């Protein structure tokens, strides 16, 4: 458990829930639509590189 807490602090998570997609951390509860939009954005950027 202490390893998880250290990792959470390292990436800036201050509470739950928190979602990390790529290099973006989204704090709090998020809707499916928000998750889908962020994933699509990250995929578009990845495919453009």
Protein backbone atom coordinates (compact mmCIF):
# COMPACT_ATOMS: atom_id res chain seq x y z
CA UNK A 1 0.00 0.00 0.00
CA UNK A 2 2.76 2.47 0.81
CA UNK A 3 4.24 1.97 -2.67
CA UNK A 4 0.88 2.87 -4.22
CA UNK A 5 0.63 5.99 -2.06
CA UNK A 6 4.13 7.06 -3.05
CA UNK A 7 3.34 6.54 -6.73
CA UNK A 8 0.07 8.46 -6.40
CA UNK A 9 1.87 11.39 -4.82
CA UNK A 10 4.55 11.28 -7.49
CA UNK A 11 2.01 11.69 -10.31
CA UNK A 12 -0.10 14.25 -8.45
CA UNK A 13 -3.08 12.14 -7.40
CA UNK A 14 -4.57 13.68 -4.28
CA UNK A 15 -7.72 11.59 -4.00
CA UNK A 16 -9.90 9.01 -5.64
CA UNK A 17 -11.15 8.48 -8.15
CA UNK A 18 -8.42 9.64 -10.49
CA UNK A 19 -7.79 8.52 -14.05
CA UNK A 20 -4.50 8.70 -15.91
CA UNK A 21 -4.58 8.54 -19.70
CA UNK A 22 -1.21 8.91 -21.35
CA UNK A 23 0.40 11.92 -19.72
CA UNK A 24 -2.86 13.46 -18.48
CA UNK A 25 -4.32 13.00 -15.01
CA UNK A 26 -8.04 13.62 -14.64
CA UNK A 27 -9.08 14.06 -11.01
CA UNK A 28 -12.50 13.05 -9.74
CA UNK A 29 -15.29 11.11 -11.34
CA UNK A 30 -15.61 11.65 -15.08
CA UNK A 31 -18.33 10.71 -17.50
CA UNK A 32 -17.96 8.09 -20.19
CA UNK A 33 -18.19 10.88 -22.77
CA UNK A 34 -15.25 12.71 -21.21
CA UNK A 35 -13.15 9.55 -21.07
CA UNK A 36 -13.99 8.75 -24.68
CA UNK A 37 -13.06 12.27 -25.82
CA UNK A 38 -9.72 12.22 -24.01
CA UNK A 39 -8.83 8.77 -25.35
CA UNK A 40 -9.73 9.81 -28.91
CA UNK A 41 -7.61 12.95 -28.55
CA UNK A 42 -4.62 10.98 -27.25
CA UNK A 43 -4.97 8.41 -30.04
CA UNK A 44 -5.14 11.13 -32.70
CA UNK A 45 -1.95 12.71 -31.36
CA UNK A 46 -0.21 9.33 -31.21
CA UNK A 47 -1.21 8.46 -34.78
CA UNK A 48 -0.03 11.86 -36.06
CA UNK A 49 3.50 11.28 -34.77
